PDB file of all heavy atoms in Angstrom:
ATOM      1  N   ASP A   1      81.057  94.086 123.488  1.00  0.00           N
ATOM      2  CA  ASP A   1      82.307  93.622 122.871  1.00  0.00           C
ATOM      3  C   ASP A   1      82.860  94.692 121.921  1.00  0.00           C
ATOM      4  O   ASP A   1      84.073  94.927 121.880  1.00  0.00           O
ATOM      5  CB  ASP A   1      82.060  92.316 122.102  1.00  0.00           C
ATOM      6  CG  ASP A   1      81.751  91.154 123.038  1.00  0.00           C
ATOM      7  OD1 ASP A   1      82.059  91.271 124.235  1.00  0.00           O
ATOM      8  OD2 ASP A   1      81.208  90.143 122.564  1.00  0.00           O
ATOM      9  N   ALA A   2      81.966  95.313 121.152  1.00  0.00           N
ATOM     10  CA  ALA A   2      82.401  96.353 120.217  1.00  0.00           C
ATOM     11  C   ALA A   2      82.987  97.550 120.965  1.00  0.00           C
ATOM     12  O   ALA A   2      84.013  98.116 120.556  1.00  0.00           O
ATOM     13  CB  ALA A   2      81.224  96.800 119.346  1.00  0.00           C
ATOM     14  N   MET A   3      82.353  97.931 122.067  1.00  0.00           N
ATOM     15  CA  MET A   3      82.862  99.048 122.859  1.00  0.00           C
ATOM     16  C   MET A   3      84.222  98.713 123.470  1.00  0.00           C
ATOM     17  O   MET A   3      85.119  99.566 123.516  1.00  0.00           O
ATOM     18  CB  MET A   3      81.857  99.400 123.962  1.00  0.00           C
ATOM     19  CG  MET A   3      80.562 100.013 123.445  1.00  0.00           C
ATOM     20  SD  MET A   3      79.331 100.267 124.751  1.00  0.00           S
ATOM     21  CE  MET A   3      80.189 101.446 125.782  1.00  0.00           C
ATOM     22  N   ARG A   4      84.369  97.461 123.925  1.00  0.00           N
ATOM     23  CA  ARG A   4      85.648  97.053 124.505  1.00  0.00           C
ATOM     24  C   ARG A   4      86.747  97.057 123.442  1.00  0.00           C
ATOM     25  O   ARG A   4      87.875  97.517 123.688  1.00  0.00           O
ATOM     26  CB  ARG A   4      85.510  95.661 125.132  1.00  0.00           C
ATOM     27  CG  ARG A   4      86.769  95.190 125.842  1.00  0.00           C
ATOM     28  CD  ARG A   4      86.501  94.003 126.748  1.00  0.00           C
ATOM     29  NE  ARG A   4      85.853  92.903 126.068  1.00  0.00           N
ATOM     30  CZ  ARG A   4      84.582  92.552 126.253  1.00  0.00           C
ATOM     31  NH1 ARG A   4      83.831  93.232 127.100  1.00  0.00           N
ATOM     32  NH2 ARG A   4      84.058  91.541 125.603  1.00  0.00           N
ATOM     33  N   MET A   5      86.419  96.567 122.231  1.00  0.00           N
ATOM     34  CA  MET A   5      87.410  96.555 121.145  1.00  0.00           C
ATOM     35  C   MET A   5      87.770  97.984 120.727  1.00  0.00           C
ATOM     36  O   MET A   5      88.943  98.285 120.455  1.00  0.00           O
ATOM     37  CB  MET A   5      86.835  95.782 119.954  1.00  0.00           C
ATOM     38  CG  MET A   5      87.812  95.692 118.775  1.00  0.00           C
ATOM     39  SD  MET A   5      89.391  94.907 119.248  1.00  0.00           S
ATOM     40  CE  MET A   5      88.813  93.243 119.636  1.00  0.00           C
ATOM     41  N   GLU A   6      86.775  98.872 120.695  1.00  0.00           N
ATOM     42  CA  GLU A   6      87.040 100.263 120.343  1.00  0.00           C
ATOM     43  C   GLU A   6      87.988 100.900 121.361  1.00  0.00           C
ATOM     44  O   GLU A   6      88.894 101.650 120.999  1.00  0.00           O
ATOM     45  CB  GLU A   6      85.731 101.042 120.296  1.00  0.00           C
ATOM     46  CG  GLU A   6      85.905 102.493 119.870  1.00  0.00           C
ATOM     47  CD  GLU A   6      84.581 103.244 119.808  1.00  0.00           C
ATOM     48  OE1 GLU A   6      83.541 102.588 120.005  1.00  0.00           O
ATOM     49  OE2 GLU A   6      84.599 104.457 119.564  1.00  0.00           O
ATOM     50  N   PHE A   7      87.800 100.562 122.641  1.00  0.00           N
ATOM     51  CA  PHE A   7      88.681 101.094 123.684  1.00  0.00           C
ATOM     52  C   PHE A   7      90.114 100.585 123.497  1.00  0.00           C
ATOM     53  O   PHE A   7      91.078 101.356 123.614  1.00  0.00           O
ATOM     54  CB  PHE A   7      88.146 100.677 125.059  1.00  0.00           C
ATOM     55  CG  PHE A   7      89.056 101.049 126.199  1.00  0.00           C
ATOM     56  CD1 PHE A   7      89.114 102.355 126.655  1.00  0.00           C
ATOM     57  CD2 PHE A   7      89.859 100.094 126.804  1.00  0.00           C
ATOM     58  CE1 PHE A   7      89.953 102.710 127.703  1.00  0.00           C
ATOM     59  CE2 PHE A   7      90.706 100.440 127.853  1.00  0.00           C
ATOM     60  CZ  PHE A   7      90.751 101.751 128.302  1.00  0.00           C
ATOM     61  N   ILE A   8      90.241  99.281 123.179  1.00  0.00           N
ATOM     62  CA  ILE A   8      91.570  98.711 122.962  1.00  0.00           C
ATOM     63  C   ILE A   8      92.267  99.381 121.779  1.00  0.00           C
ATOM     64  O   ILE A   8      93.453  99.699 121.826  1.00  0.00           O
ATOM     65  CB  ILE A   8      91.463  97.180 122.741  1.00  0.00           C
ATOM     66  CG1 ILE A   8      90.993  96.499 124.033  1.00  0.00           C
ATOM     67  CG2 ILE A   8      92.800  96.596 122.284  1.00  0.00           C
ATOM     68  CD1 ILE A   8      90.684  95.019 123.861  1.00  0.00           C
ATOM     69  N   LEU A   9      91.517  99.598 120.689  1.00  0.00           N
ATOM     70  CA  LEU A   9      92.083 100.258 119.504  1.00  0.00           C
ATOM     71  C   LEU A   9      92.502 101.695 119.819  1.00  0.00           C
ATOM     72  O   LEU A   9      93.540 102.174 119.344  1.00  0.00           O
ATOM     73  CB  LEU A   9      91.061 100.241 118.364  1.00  0.00           C
ATOM     74  CG  LEU A   9      90.771  98.862 117.746  1.00  0.00           C
ATOM     75  CD1 LEU A   9      89.648  98.967 116.727  1.00  0.00           C
ATOM     76  CD2 LEU A   9      92.028  98.286 117.103  1.00  0.00           C
ATOM     77  N   GLN A  10      91.696 102.380 120.606  1.00  0.00           N
ATOM     78  CA  GLN A  10      92.048 103.745 120.985  1.00  0.00           C
ATOM     79  C   GLN A  10      93.332 103.777 121.798  1.00  0.00           C
ATOM     80  O   GLN A  10      94.198 104.634 121.587  1.00  0.00           O
ATOM     81  CB  GLN A  10      90.896 104.377 121.788  1.00  0.00           C
ATOM     82  CG  GLN A  10      89.681 104.729 120.955  1.00  0.00           C
ATOM     83  CD  GLN A  10      88.558 105.284 121.807  1.00  0.00           C
ATOM     84  OE1 GLN A  10      88.599 105.238 123.037  1.00  0.00           O
ATOM     85  NE2 GLN A  10      87.528 105.817 121.156  1.00  0.00           N
ATOM     86  N   GLN A  11      93.461 102.802 122.727  1.00  0.00           N
ATOM     87  CA  GLN A  11      94.675 102.738 123.539  1.00  0.00           C
ATOM     88  C   GLN A  11      95.899 102.450 122.668  1.00  0.00           C
ATOM     89  O   GLN A  11      96.961 103.041 122.855  1.00  0.00           O
ATOM     90  CB  GLN A  11      94.530 101.657 124.615  1.00  0.00           C
ATOM     91  CG  GLN A  11      93.500 101.985 125.696  1.00  0.00           C
ATOM     92  CD  GLN A  11      93.857 103.238 126.458  1.00  0.00           C
ATOM     93  OE1 GLN A  11      93.253 104.285 126.284  1.00  0.00           O
ATOM     94  NE2 GLN A  11      94.859 103.158 127.311  1.00  0.00           N
ATOM     95  N   ALA A  12      95.732 101.519 121.690  1.00  0.00           N
ATOM     96  CA  ALA A  12      96.844 101.179 120.797  1.00  0.00           C
ATOM     97  C   ALA A  12      97.234 102.387 119.943  1.00  0.00           C
ATOM     98  O   ALA A  12      98.426 102.649 119.710  1.00  0.00           O
ATOM     99  CB  ALA A  12      96.450 100.003 119.906  1.00  0.00           C
ATOM    100  N   THR A  13      96.226 103.147 119.471  1.00  0.00           N
ATOM    101  CA  THR A  13      96.500 104.338 118.667  1.00  0.00           C
ATOM    102  C   THR A  13      97.249 105.386 119.482  1.00  0.00           C
ATOM    103  O   THR A  13      98.213 106.001 118.999  1.00  0.00           O
ATOM    104  CB  THR A  13      95.176 104.938 118.146  1.00  0.00           C
ATOM    105  OG1 THR A  13      94.497 103.959 117.356  1.00  0.00           O
ATOM    106  CG2 THR A  13      95.443 106.179 117.295  1.00  0.00           C
ATOM    107  N   LEU A  14      96.833 105.581 120.727  1.00  0.00           N
ATOM    108  CA  LEU A  14      97.509 106.537 121.595  1.00  0.00           C
ATOM    109  C   LEU A  14      98.956 106.132 121.857  1.00  0.00           C
ATOM    110  O   LEU A  14      99.864 106.973 121.867  1.00  0.00           O
ATOM    111  CB  LEU A  14      96.745 106.671 122.923  1.00  0.00           C
ATOM    112  CG  LEU A  14      95.368 107.359 122.853  1.00  0.00           C
ATOM    113  CD1 LEU A  14      94.678 107.295 124.201  1.00  0.00           C
ATOM    114  CD2 LEU A  14      95.523 108.811 122.411  1.00  0.00           C
ATOM    115  N   GLU A  15      99.174 104.821 122.064  1.00  0.00           N
ATOM    116  CA  GLU A  15     100.542 104.333 122.306  1.00  0.00           C
ATOM    117  C   GLU A  15     101.407 104.525 121.065  1.00  0.00           C
ATOM    118  O   GLU A  15     102.570 104.933 121.162  1.00  0.00           O
ATOM    119  CB  GLU A  15     100.488 102.852 122.700  1.00  0.00           C
ATOM    120  CG  GLU A  15     101.833 102.219 122.987  1.00  0.00           C
ATOM    121  CD  GLU A  15     102.532 102.822 124.196  1.00  0.00           C
ATOM    122  OE1 GLU A  15     101.849 103.491 125.002  1.00  0.00           O
ATOM    123  OE2 GLU A  15     103.749 102.624 124.320  1.00  0.00           O
ATOM    124  N   ALA A  16     100.837 104.251 119.886  1.00  0.00           N
ATOM    125  CA  ALA A  16     101.582 104.444 118.641  1.00  0.00           C
ATOM    126  C   ALA A  16     101.920 105.921 118.433  1.00  0.00           C
ATOM    127  O   ALA A  16     103.049 106.269 118.043  1.00  0.00           O
ATOM    128  CB  ALA A  16     100.773 103.917 117.457  1.00  0.00           C
ATOM    129  N   ASP A  17     100.965 106.790 118.730  1.00  0.00           N
ATOM    130  CA  ASP A  17     101.221 108.229 118.603  1.00  0.00           C
ATOM    131  C   ASP A  17     102.330 108.672 119.553  1.00  0.00           C
ATOM    132  O   ASP A  17     103.177 109.508 119.203  1.00  0.00           O
ATOM    133  CB  ASP A  17      99.943 109.015 118.897  1.00  0.00           C
ATOM    134  CG  ASP A  17      98.888 108.841 117.806  1.00  0.00           C
ATOM    135  OD1 ASP A  17      99.255 108.383 116.711  1.00  0.00           O
ATOM    136  OD2 ASP A  17      97.703 109.149 118.066  1.00  0.00           O
ATOM    137  N   ARG A  18     102.311 108.103 120.761  1.00  0.00           N
ATOM    138  CA  ARG A  18     103.350 108.460 121.736  1.00  0.00           C
ATOM    139  C   ARG A  18     104.741 108.065 121.247  1.00  0.00           C
ATOM    140  O   ARG A  18     105.700 108.832 121.341  1.00  0.00           O
ATOM    141  CB  ARG A  18     103.061 107.779 123.077  1.00  0.00           C
ATOM    142  CG  ARG A  18     104.021 108.166 124.199  1.00  0.00           C
ATOM    143  CD  ARG A  18     103.776 107.342 125.437  1.00  0.00           C
ATOM    144  NE  ARG A  18     104.099 105.944 125.202  1.00  0.00           N
ATOM    145  CZ  ARG A  18     105.340 105.443 125.249  1.00  0.00           C
ATOM    146  NH1 ARG A  18     106.371 106.235 125.475  1.00  0.00           N
ATOM    147  NH2 ARG A  18     105.555 104.160 125.049  1.00  0.00           N
ATOM    148  N   LYS A  19     104.842 106.866 120.698  1.00  0.00           N
ATOM    149  CA  LYS A  19     106.137 106.401 120.201  1.00  0.00           C
ATOM    150  C   LYS A  19     106.612 107.245 119.007  1.00  0.00           C
ATOM    151  O   LYS A  19     107.799 107.530 118.865  1.00  0.00           O
ATOM    152  CB  LYS A  19     106.037 104.928 119.805  1.00  0.00           C
ATOM    153  CG  LYS A  19     105.875 103.999 121.000  1.00  0.00           C
ATOM    154  CD  LYS A  19     105.830 102.549 120.572  1.00  0.00           C
ATOM    155  CE  LYS A  19     105.725 101.630 121.779  1.00  0.00           C
ATOM    156  NZ  LYS A  19     105.671 100.197 121.383  1.00  0.00           N
ATOM    157  N   ILE A  20     105.676 107.630 118.146  1.00  0.00           N
ATOM    158  CA  ILE A  20     106.023 108.477 116.999  1.00  0.00           C
ATOM    159  C   ILE A  20     106.564 109.824 117.482  1.00  0.00           C
ATOM    160  O   ILE A  20     107.559 110.341 116.970  1.00  0.00           O
ATOM    161  CB  ILE A  20     104.797 108.678 116.084  1.00  0.00           C
ATOM    162  CG1 ILE A  20     104.457 107.360 115.374  1.00  0.00           C
ATOM    163  CG2 ILE A  20     105.052 109.779 115.058  1.00  0.00           C
ATOM    164  CD1 ILE A  20     103.147 107.408 114.607  1.00  0.00           C
ATOM    165  N   ILE A  21     105.901 110.380 118.485  1.00  0.00           N
ATOM    166  CA  ILE A  21     106.342 111.669 119.019  1.00  0.00           C
ATOM    167  C   ILE A  21     107.732 111.550 119.643  1.00  0.00           C
ATOM    168  O   ILE A  21     108.586 112.419 119.464  1.00  0.00           O
ATOM    169  CB  ILE A  21     105.319 112.186 120.048  1.00  0.00           C
ATOM    170  CG1 ILE A  21     104.008 112.548 119.337  1.00  0.00           C
ATOM    171  CG2 ILE A  21     105.856 113.386 120.810  1.00  0.00           C
ATOM    172  CD1 ILE A  21     102.864 112.857 120.279  1.00  0.00           C
ATOM    173  N   GLU A  22     107.957 110.435 120.392  1.00  0.00           N
ATOM    174  CA  GLU A  22     109.273 110.227 120.994  1.00  0.00           C
ATOM    175  C   GLU A  22     110.357 110.094 119.926  1.00  0.00           C
ATOM    176  O   GLU A  22     111.441 110.689 120.027  1.00  0.00           O
ATOM    177  CB  GLU A  22     109.246 108.983 121.878  1.00  0.00           C
ATOM    178  CG  GLU A  22     108.515 109.171 123.192  1.00  0.00           C
ATOM    179  CD  GLU A  22     108.591 107.934 124.063  1.00  0.00           C
ATOM    180  OE1 GLU A  22     109.129 106.898 123.574  1.00  0.00           O
ATOM    181  OE2 GLU A  22     108.123 107.984 125.207  1.00  0.00           O
ATOM    182  N   ALA A  23     110.070 109.290 118.898  1.00  0.00           N
ATOM    183  CA  ALA A  23     111.052 109.086 117.823  1.00  0.00           C
ATOM    184  C   ALA A  23     111.328 110.387 117.085  1.00  0.00           C
ATOM    185  O   ALA A  23     112.480 110.706 116.752  1.00  0.00           O
ATOM    186  CB  ALA A  23     110.538 108.024 116.845  1.00  0.00           C
ATOM    187  N   LYS A  24     110.295 111.180 116.852  1.00  0.00           N
ATOM    188  CA  LYS A  24     110.475 112.462 116.165  1.00  0.00           C
ATOM    189  C   LYS A  24     111.320 113.402 117.012  1.00  0.00           C
ATOM    190  O   LYS A  24     112.181 114.130 116.501  1.00  0.00           O
ATOM    191  CB  LYS A  24     109.104 113.075 115.886  1.00  0.00           C
ATOM    192  CG  LYS A  24     109.189 114.366 115.078  1.00  0.00           C
ATOM    193  CD  LYS A  24     107.791 114.898 114.788  1.00  0.00           C
ATOM    194  CE  LYS A  24     107.892 116.198 113.983  1.00  0.00           C
ATOM    195  NZ  LYS A  24     106.545 116.774 113.708  1.00  0.00           N
ATOM    196  N   GLY A  25     111.100 113.368 118.330  1.00  0.00           N
ATOM    197  CA  GLY A  25     111.880 114.209 119.220  1.00  0.00           C
ATOM    198  C   GLY A  25     113.352 113.837 119.213  1.00  0.00           C
ATOM    199  O   GLY A  25     114.230 114.715 119.168  1.00  0.00           O
ATOM    200  N   GLU A  26     113.629 112.532 119.256  1.00  0.00           N
ATOM    201  CA  GLU A  26     115.016 112.082 119.223  1.00  0.00           C
ATOM    202  C   GLU A  26     115.686 112.443 117.892  1.00  0.00           C
ATOM    203  O   GLU A  26     116.843 112.881 117.843  1.00  0.00           O
ATOM    204  CB  GLU A  26     115.074 110.571 119.447  1.00  0.00           C
ATOM    205  CG  GLU A  26     114.670 110.158 120.859  1.00  0.00           C
ATOM    206  CD  GLU A  26     114.709 108.650 121.046  1.00  0.00           C
ATOM    207  OE1 GLU A  26     115.102 107.958 120.072  1.00  0.00           O
ATOM    208  OE2 GLU A  26     114.358 108.178 122.138  1.00  0.00           O
ATOM    209  N   ARG A  27     114.925 112.271 116.805  1.00  0.00           N
ATOM    210  CA  ARG A  27     115.467 112.606 115.485  1.00  0.00           C
ATOM    211  C   ARG A  27     115.793 114.092 115.387  1.00  0.00           C
ATOM    212  O   ARG A  27     116.857 114.496 114.909  1.00  0.00           O
ATOM    213  CB  ARG A  27     114.450 112.222 114.404  1.00  0.00           C
ATOM    214  CG  ARG A  27     114.945 112.470 112.962  1.00  0.00           C
ATOM    215  CD  ARG A  27     113.778 112.441 112.009  1.00  0.00           C
ATOM    216  NE  ARG A  27     112.875 113.555 112.280  1.00  0.00           N
ATOM    217  CZ  ARG A  27     111.659 113.666 111.738  1.00  0.00           C
ATOM    218  NH1 ARG A  27     111.195 112.725 110.935  1.00  0.00           N
ATOM    219  NH2 ARG A  27     110.902 114.719 112.033  1.00  0.00           N
ATOM    220  N   ASP A  28     114.870 114.933 115.869  1.00  0.00           N
ATOM    221  CA  ASP A  28     115.103 116.373 115.821  1.00  0.00           C
ATOM    222  C   ASP A  28     116.295 116.774 116.679  1.00  0.00           C
ATOM    223  O   ASP A  28     117.074 117.659 116.310  1.00  0.00           O
ATOM    224  CB  ASP A  28     113.842 117.119 116.287  1.00  0.00           C
ATOM    225  CG  ASP A  28     112.680 116.963 115.306  1.00  0.00           C
ATOM    226  OD1 ASP A  28     112.935 116.543 114.165  1.00  0.00           O
ATOM    227  OD2 ASP A  28     111.527 117.271 115.691  1.00  0.00           O
ATOM    228  N   ALA A  29     116.428 116.108 117.845  1.00  0.00           N
ATOM    229  CA  ALA A  29     117.560 116.425 118.723  1.00  0.00           C
ATOM    230  C   ALA A  29     118.881 116.078 118.048  1.00  0.00           C
ATOM    231  O   ALA A  29     119.855 116.848 118.091  1.00  0.00           O
ATOM    232  CB  ALA A  29     117.409 115.679 120.044  1.00  0.00           C
ATOM    233  N   GLN A  30     118.932 114.887 117.416  1.00  0.00           N
ATOM    234  CA  GLN A  30     120.153 114.484 116.718  1.00  0.00           C
ATOM    235  C   GLN A  30     120.459 115.428 115.556  1.00  0.00           C
ATOM    236  O   GLN A  30     121.622 115.786 115.293  1.00  0.00           O
ATOM    237  CB  GLN A  30     120.005 113.038 116.186  1.00  0.00           C
ATOM    238  CG  GLN A  30     119.942 111.977 117.266  1.00  0.00           C
ATOM    239  CD  GLN A  30     121.258 111.852 118.014  1.00  0.00           C
ATOM    240  OE1 GLN A  30     122.332 112.178 117.493  1.00  0.00           O
ATOM    241  NE2 GLN A  30     121.167 111.388 119.258  1.00  0.00           N
ATOM    242  N   LYS A  31     119.416 115.863 114.878  1.00  0.00           N
ATOM    243  CA  LYS A  31     119.600 116.768 113.753  1.00  0.00           C
ATOM    244  C   LYS A  31     120.165 118.109 114.218  1.00  0.00           C
ATOM    245  O   LYS A  31     121.095 118.662 113.615  1.00  0.00           O
ATOM    246  CB  LYS A  31     118.263 116.973 113.037  1.00  0.00           C
ATOM    247  CG  LYS A  31     118.369 117.840 111.797  1.00  0.00           C
ATOM    248  CD  LYS A  31     116.996 117.954 111.117  1.00  0.00           C
ATOM    249  CE  LYS A  31     117.103 118.845 109.874  1.00  0.00           C
ATOM    250  NZ  LYS A  31     115.783 118.977 109.211  1.00  0.00           N
ATOM    251  N   ILE A  32     119.606 118.614 115.290  1.00  0.00           N
ATOM    252  CA  ILE A  32     120.079 119.893 115.834  1.00  0.00           C
ATOM    253  C   ILE A  32     121.533 119.769 116.283  1.00  0.00           C
ATOM    254  O   ILE A  32     122.363 120.650 116.052  1.00  0.00           O
ATOM    255  CB  ILE A  32     119.185 120.338 117.002  1.00  0.00           C
ATOM    256  CG1 ILE A  32     117.790 120.703 116.476  1.00  0.00           C
ATOM    257  CG2 ILE A  32     119.779 121.530 117.739  1.00  0.00           C
ATOM    258  CD1 ILE A  32     116.759 120.921 117.561  1.00  0.00           C
ATOM    259  N   LEU A  33     121.834 118.629 116.947  1.00  0.00           N
ATOM    260  CA  LEU A  33     123.197 118.418 117.439  1.00  0.00           C
ATOM    261  C   LEU A  33     124.195 118.326 116.287  1.00  0.00           C
ATOM    262  O   LEU A  33     125.269 118.929 116.313  1.00  0.00           O
ATOM    263  CB  LEU A  33     123.249 117.151 118.295  1.00  0.00           C
ATOM    264  CG  LEU A  33     124.588 116.821 118.936  1.00  0.00           C
ATOM    265  CD1 LEU A  33     125.019 117.941 119.870  1.00  0.00           C
ATOM    266  CD2 LEU A  33     124.511 115.503 119.694  1.00  0.00           C
ATOM    267  N   SER A  34     123.837 117.563 115.243  1.00  0.00           N
ATOM    268  CA  SER A  34     124.754 117.389 114.113  1.00  0.00           C
ATOM    269  C   SER A  34     124.947 118.694 113.334  1.00  0.00           C
ATOM    270  O   SER A  34     126.033 119.002 112.862  1.00  0.00           O
ATOM    271  CB  SER A  34     124.233 116.302 113.172  1.00  0.00           C
ATOM    272  OG  SER A  34     122.986 116.679 112.626  1.00  0.00           O
ATOM    273  N   GLU A  35     123.868 119.472 113.234  1.00  0.00           N
ATOM    274  CA  GLU A  35     123.984 120.748 112.538  1.00  0.00           C
ATOM    275  C   GLU A  35     124.814 121.756 113.322  1.00  0.00           C
ATOM    276  O   GLU A  35     125.477 122.627 112.759  1.00  0.00           O
ATOM    277  CB  GLU A  35     122.589 121.322 112.274  1.00  0.00           C
ATOM    278  CG  GLU A  35     121.806 120.547 111.223  1.00  0.00           C
ATOM    279  CD  GLU A  35     120.394 121.090 111.068  1.00  0.00           C
ATOM    280  OE1 GLU A  35     120.005 121.953 111.901  1.00  0.00           O
ATOM    281  OE2 GLU A  35     119.672 120.659 110.143  1.00  0.00           O
ATOM    282  N   GLY A  36     124.828 121.592 114.640  1.00  0.00           N
ATOM    283  CA  GLY A  36     125.585 122.532 115.465  1.00  0.00           C
ATOM    284  C   GLY A  36     127.055 122.215 115.559  1.00  0.00           C
ATOM    285  O   GLY A  36     127.869 123.076 115.899  1.00  0.00           O
ATOM    286  N   LEU A  37     127.478 120.960 115.269  1.00  0.00           N
ATOM    287  CA  LEU A  37     128.888 120.562 115.363  1.00  0.00           C
ATOM    288  C   LEU A  37     129.631 120.913 114.068  1.00  0.00           C
ATOM    289  O   LEU A  37     129.988 120.058 113.269  1.00  0.00           O
ATOM    290  CB  LEU A  37     128.979 119.057 115.664  1.00  0.00           C
ATOM    291  CG  LEU A  37     128.559 118.634 117.075  1.00  0.00           C
ATOM    292  CD1 LEU A  37     128.630 117.130 117.207  1.00  0.00           C
ATOM    293  CD2 LEU A  37     129.419 119.307 118.132  1.00  0.00           C
ATOM    294  N   THR A  38     129.919 122.181 113.840  1.00  0.00           N
ATOM    295  CA  THR A  38     130.686 122.625 112.666  1.00  0.00           C
ATOM    296  C   THR A  38     132.184 122.485 112.956  1.00  0.00           C
ATOM    297  O   THR A  38     132.612 122.294 114.105  1.00  0.00           O
ATOM    298  CB  THR A  38     130.357 124.080 112.351  1.00  0.00           C
ATOM    299  OG1 THR A  38     130.727 124.881 113.478  1.00  0.00           O
ATOM    300  CG2 THR A  38     128.864 124.263 112.087  1.00  0.00           C
ATOM    301  N   ASP A  39     132.977 122.585 111.906  1.00  0.00           N
ATOM    302  CA  ASP A  39     134.441 122.481 112.080  1.00  0.00           C
ATOM    303  C   ASP A  39     134.956 123.570 113.004  1.00  0.00           C
ATOM    304  O   ASP A  39     135.852 123.341 113.831  1.00  0.00           O
ATOM    305  CB  ASP A  39     135.134 122.574 110.710  1.00  0.00           C
ATOM    306  CG  ASP A  39     134.816 121.352 109.847  1.00  0.00           C
ATOM    307  OD1 ASP A  39     134.413 120.323 110.441  1.00  0.00           O
ATOM    308  OD2 ASP A  39     134.945 121.445 108.617  1.00  0.00           O
ATOM    309  N   LYS A  40     134.435 124.788 112.859  1.00  0.00           N
ATOM    310  CA  LYS A  40     134.863 125.884 113.698  1.00  0.00           C
ATOM    311  C   LYS A  40     134.590 125.599 115.161  1.00  0.00           C
ATOM    312  O   LYS A  40     135.415 125.861 116.038  1.00  0.00           O
ATOM    313  CB  LYS A  40     134.127 127.173 113.294  1.00  0.00           C
ATOM    314  CG  LYS A  40     134.687 127.849 112.040  1.00  0.00           C
ATOM    315  CD  LYS A  40     136.035 128.480 112.374  1.00  0.00           C
ATOM    316  CE  LYS A  40     136.545 129.312 111.184  1.00  0.00           C
ATOM    317  NZ  LYS A  40     137.884 129.867 111.511  1.00  0.00           N
ATOM    318  N   LEU A  41     133.372 125.037 115.437  1.00  0.00           N
ATOM    319  CA  LEU A  41     133.001 124.737 116.814  1.00  0.00           C
ATOM    320  C   LEU A  41     133.909 123.671 117.398  1.00  0.00           C
ATOM    321  O   LEU A  41     134.357 123.761 118.546  1.00  0.00           O
ATOM    322  CB  LEU A  41     131.528 124.295 116.885  1.00  0.00           C
ATOM    323  CG  LEU A  41     130.996 123.977 118.280  1.00  0.00           C
ATOM    324  CD1 LEU A  41     131.116 125.185 119.202  1.00  0.00           C
ATOM    325  CD2 LEU A  41     129.548 123.509 118.214  1.00  0.00           C
TER     326      LEU A  41
END
């Protein structure tokens, strides 16, 4: 039971890390886009 619970926790941690990476990527993309849209451009 302990091994099964440890596996479930590991899977949940991996999924959370994946979502964090996705959110960080989207945030960085928006930041780059907003910084690139100057008045001159």
